[in-house]
Amino acid sequence: MVVNAVTKEGLSTKYSRKGLALSFFSKPDVSYYGGSKEEYIKVCEPLGEASVAGTSYAAPWIARKLSYLIDVLGLRREVAKALIIDAARGWKGCPTPEEIALYGHGVVPIRIEDIVQTKNDEIKFLVSDVSEKWNTYNYSFPIPLENDQYPYLARATMCYFPKCNRAQGVDYTNTELNLHFGRIKDNQKLNEINNDKQNQNDVYDEKKNYLYEGEARDKFRNGIM
């Protein structure tokens, strides 16, 4: 997980490095407090207390949170990383490429409760599976109805660790993972919330739909994390 540093106010520091990396890849993943001239981080060195700043001090705090999620709560590493990114992203909407280059998906909350717990007006589902070949998985989420409607906002944070090969081109992943999310209509067809027609088949629609790579990147590059 790539971590950049921010000041105590959550702003980019003078020593912060900038992304982006490859298309569809955010670098850094998230940001955290690494100290700055406005307020340094106090550490214990062999000769006593010292005031320091740097990404080397921000990254261990994120490693500590990941260790708690994996080693204490027993979550898979993919789910742990997704939770960290989901908490940093929040409901702020899609950041600009300039914001992603500096902050990644956002600044991770300080309190672990803000990562593992949901607010009273939220419902969060954690889904984890292993795909070893071409597979399709379907999950039904029990979302409450109100007047035969779903008056909610929804987002999905997806994280996986595929094998990579630089010969694969701009994405360089050996495995492609595609997520379709929405309501099952009365005719058992999926009504997707973002109208994504990529990788469609008869399960979703009677018509075949194809998008060119450039069009898909323009429309859906920020749709799914």
C-alpha atoms as a PDB file:
ATOM      1  CA  MET A   1       0.000   0.000   0.000  1.00  0.00           C
ATOM      2  CA  VAL A   2       1.496   3.318  -1.099  1.00  0.00           C
ATOM      3  CA  VAL A   3       1.198   6.107   1.500  1.00  0.00           C
ATOM      4  CA  ASN A   4       1.846   9.813   1.012  1.00  0.00           C
ATOM      5  CA  ALA A   5       2.183  12.343   3.823  1.00  0.00           C
ATOM      6  CA  VAL A   6       0.031  15.336   4.736  1.00  0.00           C
ATOM      7  CA  THR A   7       0.228  18.069   7.342  1.00  0.00           C
ATOM      8  CA  LYS A   8      -1.852  18.103  10.520  1.00  0.00           C
ATOM      9  CA  GLU A   9      -4.451  20.109   8.560  1.00  0.00           C
ATOM     10  CA  GLY A  10      -4.639  17.370   5.911  1.00  0.00           C
ATOM     11  CA  LEU A  11      -2.799  19.325   3.219  1.00  0.00           C
ATOM     12  CA  SER A  12       0.061  18.194   1.005  1.00  0.00           C
ATOM     13  CA  THR A  13       3.543  18.769   2.436  1.00  0.00           C
ATOM     14  CA  LYS A  14       6.505  20.310   0.629  1.00  0.00           C
ATOM     15  CA  TYR A  15       8.341  16.973   0.623  1.00  0.00           C
ATOM     16  CA  SER A  16       5.380  14.927  -0.707  1.00  0.00           C
ATOM     17  CA  ARG A  17       5.929  12.949  -3.894  1.00  0.00           C
ATOM     18  CA  LYS A  18       3.358  13.007  -6.683  1.00  0.00           C
ATOM     19  CA  GLY A  19       1.696  10.296  -8.795  1.00  0.00           C
ATOM     20  CA  LEU A  20      -0.014   9.296 -10.983  1.00  0.00           C
ATOM     21  CA  ALA A  21       1.045   5.812 -12.036  1.00  0.00           C
ATOM     22  CA  LEU A  22      -0.594   3.732 -14.763  1.00  0.00           C
ATOM     23  CA  SER A  23      -4.105   4.396 -16.012  1.00  0.00           C
ATOM     24  CA  PHE A  24      -6.765   3.173 -13.551  1.00  0.00           C
ATOM     25  CA  PHE A  25      -4.085   3.016 -10.835  1.00  0.00           C
ATOM     26  CA  SER A  26      -3.975   5.524  -8.013  1.00  0.00           C
ATOM     27  CA  LYS A  27      -0.568   6.336  -6.607  1.00  0.00           C
ATOM     28  CA  PRO A  28      -0.415   6.991  -3.740  1.00  0.00           C
ATOM     29  CA  ASP A  29      -3.266   4.819  -2.454  1.00  0.00           C
ATOM     30  CA  VAL A  30      -3.965   7.019   0.579  1.00  0.00           C
ATOM     31  CA  SER A  31      -2.408   9.763   2.677  1.00  0.00           C
ATOM     32  CA  TYR A  32      -1.708  10.109   6.390  1.00  0.00           C
ATOM     33  CA  TYR A  33      -0.112  12.529   8.816  1.00  0.00           C
ATOM     34  CA  GLY A  34       3.661  12.630   8.433  1.00  0.00           C
ATOM     35  CA  GLY A  35       4.564  15.890  10.117  1.00  0.00           C
ATOM     36  CA  SER A  36       5.657  19.199   8.638  1.00  0.00           C
ATOM     37  CA  LYS A  37       7.294  22.455   9.669  1.00  0.00           C
ATOM     38  CA  GLU A  38       3.902  23.634  10.958  1.00  0.00           C
ATOM     39  CA  GLU A  39       3.793  20.729  13.430  1.00  0.00           C
ATOM     40  CA  TYR A  40       6.450  18.013  13.502  1.00  0.00           C
ATOM     41  CA  ILE A  41       5.983  14.480  14.807  1.00  0.00           C
ATOM     42  CA  LYS A  42       7.737  13.779  18.099  1.00  0.00           C
ATOM     43  CA  VAL A  43       9.736  10.536  18.230  1.00  0.00           C
ATOM     44  CA  CYS A  44      12.191   8.919  20.616  1.00  0.00           C
ATOM     45  CA  GLU A  45      15.763   8.667  19.305  1.00  0.00           C
ATOM     46  CA  PRO A  46      18.853   7.271  21.072  1.00  0.00           C
ATOM     47  CA  LEU A  47      19.654  10.728  22.466  1.00  0.00           C
ATOM     48  CA  GLY A  48      16.075  11.535  23.463  1.00  0.00           C
ATOM     49  CA  GLU A  49      13.076  13.298  21.956  1.00  0.00           C
ATOM     50  CA  ALA A  50      13.276  14.571  18.368  1.00  0.00           C
ATOM     51  CA  SER A  51      10.925  16.357  15.970  1.00  0.00           C
ATOM     52  CA  VAL A  52      10.705  14.715  12.549  1.00  0.00           C
ATOM     53  CA  ALA A  53       8.677  14.742   9.330  1.00  0.00           C
ATOM     54  CA  GLY A  54       8.452  12.499   6.282  1.00  0.00           C
ATOM     55  CA  THR A  55       6.492   9.799   4.507  1.00  0.00           C
ATOM     56  CA  SER A  56       8.608   7.293   6.458  1.00  0.00           C
ATOM     57  CA  TYR A  57       6.610   8.338   9.525  1.00  0.00           C
ATOM     58  CA  ALA A  58       3.202   8.344   7.839  1.00  0.00           C
ATOM     59  CA  ALA A  59       3.484   4.846   6.336  1.00  0.00           C
ATOM     60  CA  PRO A  60       4.028   2.945   9.657  1.00  0.00           C
ATOM     61  CA  TRP A  61       0.762   4.342  11.022  1.00  0.00           C
ATOM     62  CA  ILE A  62      -1.116   2.858   8.061  1.00  0.00           C
ATOM     63  CA  ALA A  63       0.809  -0.399   8.486  1.00  0.00           C
ATOM     64  CA  ARG A  64      -0.354  -0.427  12.118  1.00  0.00           C
ATOM     65  CA  LYS A  65      -3.996  -0.056  11.056  1.00  0.00           C
ATOM     66  CA  LEU A  66      -3.617  -2.808   8.444  1.00  0.00           C
ATOM     67  CA  SER A  67      -2.024  -5.090  11.048  1.00  0.00           C
ATOM     68  CA  TYR A  68      -4.967  -4.529  13.379  1.00  0.00           C
ATOM     69  CA  LEU A  69      -7.484  -5.322  10.628  1.00  0.00           C
ATOM     70  CA  ILE A  70      -5.610  -8.449   9.512  1.00  0.00           C
ATOM     71  CA  ASP A  71      -4.042  -9.837  12.698  1.00  0.00           C
ATOM     72  CA  VAL A  72      -6.630  -8.811  15.311  1.00  0.00           C
ATOM     73  CA  LEU A  73      -9.919  -8.744  13.392  1.00  0.00           C
ATOM     74  CA  GLY A  74      -8.888 -11.589  11.076  1.00  0.00           C
ATOM     75  CA  LEU A  75      -9.785  -9.883   7.791  1.00  0.00           C
ATOM     76  CA  ARG A  76      -8.220 -10.883   4.496  1.00  0.00           C
ATOM     77  CA  ARG A  77      -5.555  -8.461   3.279  1.00  0.00           C
ATOM     78  CA  GLU A  78      -7.713  -7.478   0.297  1.00  0.00           C
ATOM     79  CA  VAL A  79     -10.611  -6.577   2.597  1.00  0.00           C
ATOM     80  CA  ALA A  80      -8.274  -4.720   4.967  1.00  0.00           C
ATOM     81  CA  LYS A  81      -6.856  -2.606   2.150  1.00  0.00           C
ATOM     82  CA  ALA A  82     -10.338  -1.953   0.762  1.00  0.00           C
ATOM     83  CA  LEU A  83     -11.542  -0.782   4.197  1.00  0.00           C
ATOM     84  CA  ILE A  84      -8.627   1.656   4.499  1.00  0.00           C
ATOM     85  CA  ILE A  85      -9.296   3.086   1.029  1.00  0.00           C
ATOM     86  CA  ASP A  86     -13.055   3.196   1.611  1.00  0.00           C
ATOM     87  CA  ALA A  87     -12.602   5.143   4.861  1.00  0.00           C
ATOM     88  CA  ALA A  88     -10.225   7.595   3.173  1.00  0.00           C
ATOM     89  CA  ARG A  89     -12.513   8.131   0.173  1.00  0.00           C
ATOM     90  CA  GLY A  90     -15.719   8.582   2.148  1.00  0.00           C
ATOM     91  CA  TRP A  91     -18.661  10.200   0.383  1.00  0.00           C
ATOM     92  CA  LYS A  92     -16.718  13.130  -1.042  1.00  0.00           C
ATOM     93  CA  GLY A  93     -17.275  12.050  -4.635  1.00  0.00           C
ATOM     94  CA  CYS A  94     -14.641  11.537  -7.313  1.00  0.00           C
ATOM     95  CA  PRO A  95     -11.394  13.460  -6.753  1.00  0.00           C
ATOM     96  CA  THR A  96      -9.644  15.182  -9.622  1.00  0.00           C
ATOM     97  CA  PRO A  97      -6.493  13.635 -11.166  1.00  0.00           C
ATOM     98  CA  GLU A  98      -4.471  16.376  -9.448  1.00  0.00           C
ATOM     99  CA  GLU A  99      -5.950  15.422  -6.051  1.00  0.00           C
ATOM    100  CA  ILE A 100      -5.303  11.717  -6.664  1.00  0.00           C
ATOM    101  CA  ALA A 101      -1.690  12.490  -7.593  1.00  0.00           C
ATOM    102  CA  LEU A 102      -1.136  14.124  -4.185  1.00  0.00           C
ATOM    103  CA  TYR A 103      -3.559  12.431  -1.797  1.00  0.00           C
ATOM    104  CA  GLY A 104      -4.578   9.167  -3.452  1.00  0.00           C
ATOM    105  CA  HIS A 105      -8.100   8.292  -2.362  1.00  0.00           C
ATOM    106  CA  GLY A 106      -7.877  10.653   0.605  1.00  0.00           C
ATOM    107  CA  VAL A 107      -6.623  11.002   4.177  1.00  0.00           C
ATOM    108  CA  VAL A 108      -7.250   7.951   6.379  1.00  0.00           C
ATOM    109  CA  PRO A 109      -9.153   8.647   9.628  1.00  0.00           C
ATOM    110  CA  ILE A 110      -7.117   8.616  12.830  1.00  0.00           C
ATOM    111  CA  ARG A 111      -9.510   6.495  14.891  1.00  0.00           C
ATOM    112  CA  ILE A 112      -9.795   2.815  13.904  1.00  0.00           C
ATOM    113  CA  GLU A 113     -13.497   2.981  14.854  1.00  0.00           C
ATOM    114  CA  ASP A 114     -14.072   5.292  11.904  1.00  0.00           C
ATOM    115  CA  ILE A 115     -12.712   2.547   9.634  1.00  0.00           C
ATOM    116  CA  VAL A 116     -14.411  -0.594  10.991  1.00  0.00           C
ATOM    117  CA  GLN A 117     -17.719   0.895  12.144  1.00  0.00           C
ATOM    118  CA  THR A 118     -20.507   2.439  10.095  1.00  0.00           C
ATOM    119  CA  LYS A 119     -22.671   5.426  10.880  1.00  0.00           C
ATOM    120  CA  ASN A 120     -26.325   5.049  11.815  1.00  0.00           C
ATOM    121  CA  ASP A 121     -27.454   6.001   8.305  1.00  0.00           C
ATOM    122  CA  GLU A 122     -25.120   3.550   6.529  1.00  0.00           C
ATOM    123  CA  ILE A 123     -25.078  -0.156   5.733  1.00  0.00           C
ATOM    124  CA  LYS A 124     -21.747  -1.753   4.843  1.00  0.00           C
ATOM    125  CA  PHE A 125     -21.200  -5.243   3.409  1.00  0.00           C
ATOM    126  CA  LEU A 126     -17.836  -7.023   3.273  1.00  0.00           C
ATOM    127  CA  VAL A 127     -17.571  -9.588   0.484  1.00  0.00           C
ATOM    128  CA  SER A 128     -14.493 -11.727  -0.140  1.00  0.00           C
ATOM    129  CA  ASP A 129     -13.879 -14.612  -2.517  1.00  0.00           C
ATOM    130  CA  VAL A 130     -11.133 -16.372  -4.472  1.00  0.00           C
ATOM    131  CA  SER A 131     -11.256 -16.671  -8.252  1.00  0.00           C
ATOM    132  CA  GLU A 132      -8.858 -19.196  -9.772  1.00  0.00           C
ATOM    133  CA  LYS A 133     -10.317 -19.235 -13.294  1.00  0.00           C
ATOM    134  CA  TRP A 134     -13.125 -17.608 -15.276  1.00  0.00           C
ATOM    135  CA  ASN A 135     -15.890 -17.328 -12.694  1.00  0.00           C
ATOM    136  CA  THR A 136     -19.040 -15.328 -12.129  1.00  0.00           C
ATOM    137  CA  TYR A 137     -20.247 -14.685  -8.599  1.00  0.00           C
ATOM    138  CA  ASN A 138     -23.651 -13.308  -7.654  1.00  0.00           C
ATOM    139  CA  TYR A 139     -24.419 -11.789  -4.261  1.00  0.00           C
ATOM    140  CA  SER A 140     -27.788 -10.605  -2.973  1.00  0.00           C
ATOM    141  CA  PHE A 141     -27.688  -7.747  -0.486  1.00  0.00           C
ATOM    142  CA  PRO A 142     -30.685  -7.249   1.854  1.00  0.00           C
ATOM    143  CA  ILE A 143     -31.385  -3.553   1.233  1.00  0.00           C
ATOM    144  CA  PRO A 144     -34.608  -2.276   2.873  1.00  0.00           C
ATOM    145  CA  LEU A 145     -37.366  -1.058   0.561  1.00  0.00           C
ATOM    146  CA  GLU A 146     -39.226   2.206   1.080  1.00  0.00           C
ATOM    147  CA  ASN A 147     -42.381   2.782  -0.997  1.00  0.00           C
ATOM    148  CA  ASP A 148     -41.150   0.112  -3.427  1.00  0.00           C
ATOM    149  CA  GLN A 149     -37.989   2.127  -4.012  1.00  0.00           C
ATOM    150  CA  TYR A 150     -34.391   2.240  -2.831  1.00  0.00           C
ATOM    151  CA  PRO A 151     -33.814   5.882  -1.817  1.00  0.00           C
ATOM    152  CA  TYR A 152     -30.120   5.374  -1.116  1.00  0.00           C
ATOM    153  CA  LEU A 153     -26.708   6.256  -2.436  1.00  0.00           C
ATOM    154  CA  ALA A 154     -24.378   3.327  -3.079  1.00  0.00           C
ATOM    155  CA  ARG A 155     -20.667   2.907  -3.657  1.00  0.00           C
ATOM    156  CA  ALA A 156     -18.394  -0.092  -4.049  1.00  0.00           C
ATOM    157  CA  THR A 157     -14.711  -0.302  -3.111  1.00  0.00           C
ATOM    158  CA  MET A 158     -12.987  -3.199  -4.830  1.00  0.00           C
ATOM    159  CA  CYS A 159      -9.466  -4.442  -4.078  1.00  0.00           C
ATOM    160  CA  TYR A 160      -7.607  -7.469  -5.415  1.00  0.00           C
ATOM    161  CA  PHE A 161      -4.002  -8.550  -5.868  1.00  0.00           C
ATOM    162  CA  PRO A 162      -3.513 -10.109  -9.322  1.00  0.00           C
ATOM    163  CA  LYS A 163      -0.279 -11.312 -10.783  1.00  0.00           C
ATOM    164  CA  CYS A 164       1.238  -8.638 -13.009  1.00  0.00           C
ATOM    165  CA  ASN A 165       3.314  -8.641 -16.152  1.00  0.00           C
ATOM    166  CA  ARG A 166       4.627  -5.520 -17.863  1.00  0.00           C
ATOM    167  CA  ALA A 167       4.085  -7.249 -21.209  1.00  0.00           C
ATOM    168  CA  GLN A 168       0.339  -6.944 -20.607  1.00  0.00           C
ATOM    169  CA  GLY A 169       0.278  -3.295 -21.644  1.00  0.00           C
ATOM    170  CA  VAL A 170      -0.948  -0.237 -19.792  1.00  0.00           C
ATOM    171  CA  ASP A 171      -2.855  -2.171 -17.100  1.00  0.00           C
ATOM    172  CA  TYR A 172      -0.229  -4.967 -16.854  1.00  0.00           C
ATOM    173  CA  THR A 173      -2.472  -7.253 -14.766  1.00  0.00           C
ATOM    174  CA  ASN A 174      -2.792 -10.913 -15.730  1.00  0.00           C
ATOM    175  CA  THR A 175      -6.315 -11.097 -14.300  1.00  0.00           C
ATOM    176  CA  GLU A 176      -9.164  -8.694 -15.027  1.00  0.00           C
ATOM    177  CA  LEU A 177     -11.928  -8.280 -12.461  1.00  0.00           C
ATOM    178  CA  ASN A 178     -15.232  -6.654 -13.384  1.00  0.00           C
ATOM    179  CA  LEU A 179     -17.972  -5.546 -10.995  1.00  0.00           C
ATOM    180  CA  HIS A 180     -21.637  -4.998 -11.854  1.00  0.00           C
ATOM    181  CA  PHE A 181     -23.819  -3.509  -9.127  1.00  0.00           C
ATOM    182  CA  GLY A 182     -27.520  -2.698  -9.163  1.00  0.00           C
ATOM    183  CA  ARG A 183     -31.092  -3.876  -8.659  1.00  0.00           C
ATOM    184  CA  ILE A 184     -32.505  -7.073 -10.143  1.00  0.00           C
ATOM    185  CA  LYS A 185     -35.589  -6.115 -12.133  1.00  0.00           C
ATOM    186  CA  ASP A 186     -38.774  -8.202 -12.320  1.00  0.00           C
ATOM    187  CA  ASN A 187     -37.491  -9.864 -15.506  1.00  0.00           C
ATOM    188  CA  GLN A 188     -34.389 -10.990 -13.563  1.00  0.00           C
ATOM    189  CA  LYS A 189     -32.144  -8.603 -15.513  1.00  0.00           C
ATOM    190  CA  LEU A 190     -29.664  -6.353 -13.748  1.00  0.00           C
ATOM    191  CA  ASN A 191     -30.345  -2.626 -13.729  1.00  0.00           C
ATOM    192  CA  GLU A 192     -26.874  -1.215 -13.093  1.00  0.00           C
ATOM    193  CA  ILE A 193     -26.521   1.988 -11.125  1.00  0.00           C
ATOM    194  CA  ASN A 194     -23.894   3.448 -13.476  1.00  0.00           C
ATOM    195  CA  ASN A 195     -25.177   1.963 -16.765  1.00  0.00           C
ATOM    196  CA  ASP A 196     -21.868   0.205 -17.387  1.00  0.00           C
ATOM    197  CA  LYS A 197     -22.202  -1.895 -20.540  1.00  0.00           C
ATOM    198  CA  GLN A 198     -18.743  -3.443 -20.434  1.00  0.00           C
ATOM    199  CA  ASN A 199     -18.477  -7.240 -20.462  1.00  0.00           C
ATOM    200  CA  GLN A 200     -22.223  -7.606 -20.760  1.00  0.00           C
ATOM    201  CA  ASN A 201     -23.840 -10.924 -21.571  1.00  0.00           C
ATOM    202  CA  ASP A 202     -27.333 -12.410 -21.747  1.00  0.00           C
ATOM    203  CA  VAL A 203     -27.579 -12.483 -17.977  1.00  0.00           C
ATOM    204  CA  TYR A 204     -27.778  -8.692 -17.965  1.00  0.00           C
ATOM    205  CA  ASP A 205     -29.287  -7.784 -21.312  1.00  0.00           C
ATOM    206  CA  GLU A 206     -30.564  -9.376 -24.482  1.00  0.00           C
ATOM    207  CA  LYS A 207     -28.449  -6.982 -26.558  1.00  0.00           C
ATOM    208  CA  LYS A 208     -24.712  -7.254 -26.852  1.00  0.00           C
ATOM    209  CA  ASN A 209     -22.971  -4.059 -25.791  1.00  0.00           C
ATOM    210  CA  TYR A 210     -19.358  -3.229 -26.457  1.00  0.00           C
ATOM    211  CA  LEU A 211     -17.322  -0.172 -25.568  1.00  0.00           C
ATOM    212  CA  TYR A 212     -14.025   0.857 -27.048  1.00  0.00           C
ATOM    213  CA  GLU A 213     -11.186   1.092 -24.550  1.00  0.00           C
ATOM    214  CA  GLY A 214     -10.915   4.867 -24.819  1.00  0.00           C
ATOM    215  CA  GLU A 215     -14.634   5.374 -24.225  1.00  0.00           C
ATOM    216  CA  ALA A 216     -14.604   3.020 -21.242  1.00  0.00           C
ATOM    217  CA  ARG A 217     -11.709   4.894 -19.629  1.00  0.00           C
ATOM    218  CA  ASP A 218     -13.403   8.267 -20.107  1.00  0.00           C
ATOM    219  CA  LYS A 219     -16.743   7.124 -18.661  1.00  0.00           C
ATOM    220  CA  PHE A 220     -15.876   4.608 -15.972  1.00  0.00           C
ATOM    221  CA  ARG A 221     -12.282   5.166 -14.815  1.00  0.00           C
ATOM    222  CA  ASN A 222     -13.551   6.746 -11.552  1.00  0.00           C
ATOM    223  CA  GLY A 223     -16.735   4.714 -11.271  1.00  0.00           C
ATOM    224  CA  ILE A 224     -15.229   1.797  -9.366  1.00  0.00           C
ATOM    225  CA  MET A 225     -12.204   1.831  -7.091  1.00  0.00           C
END
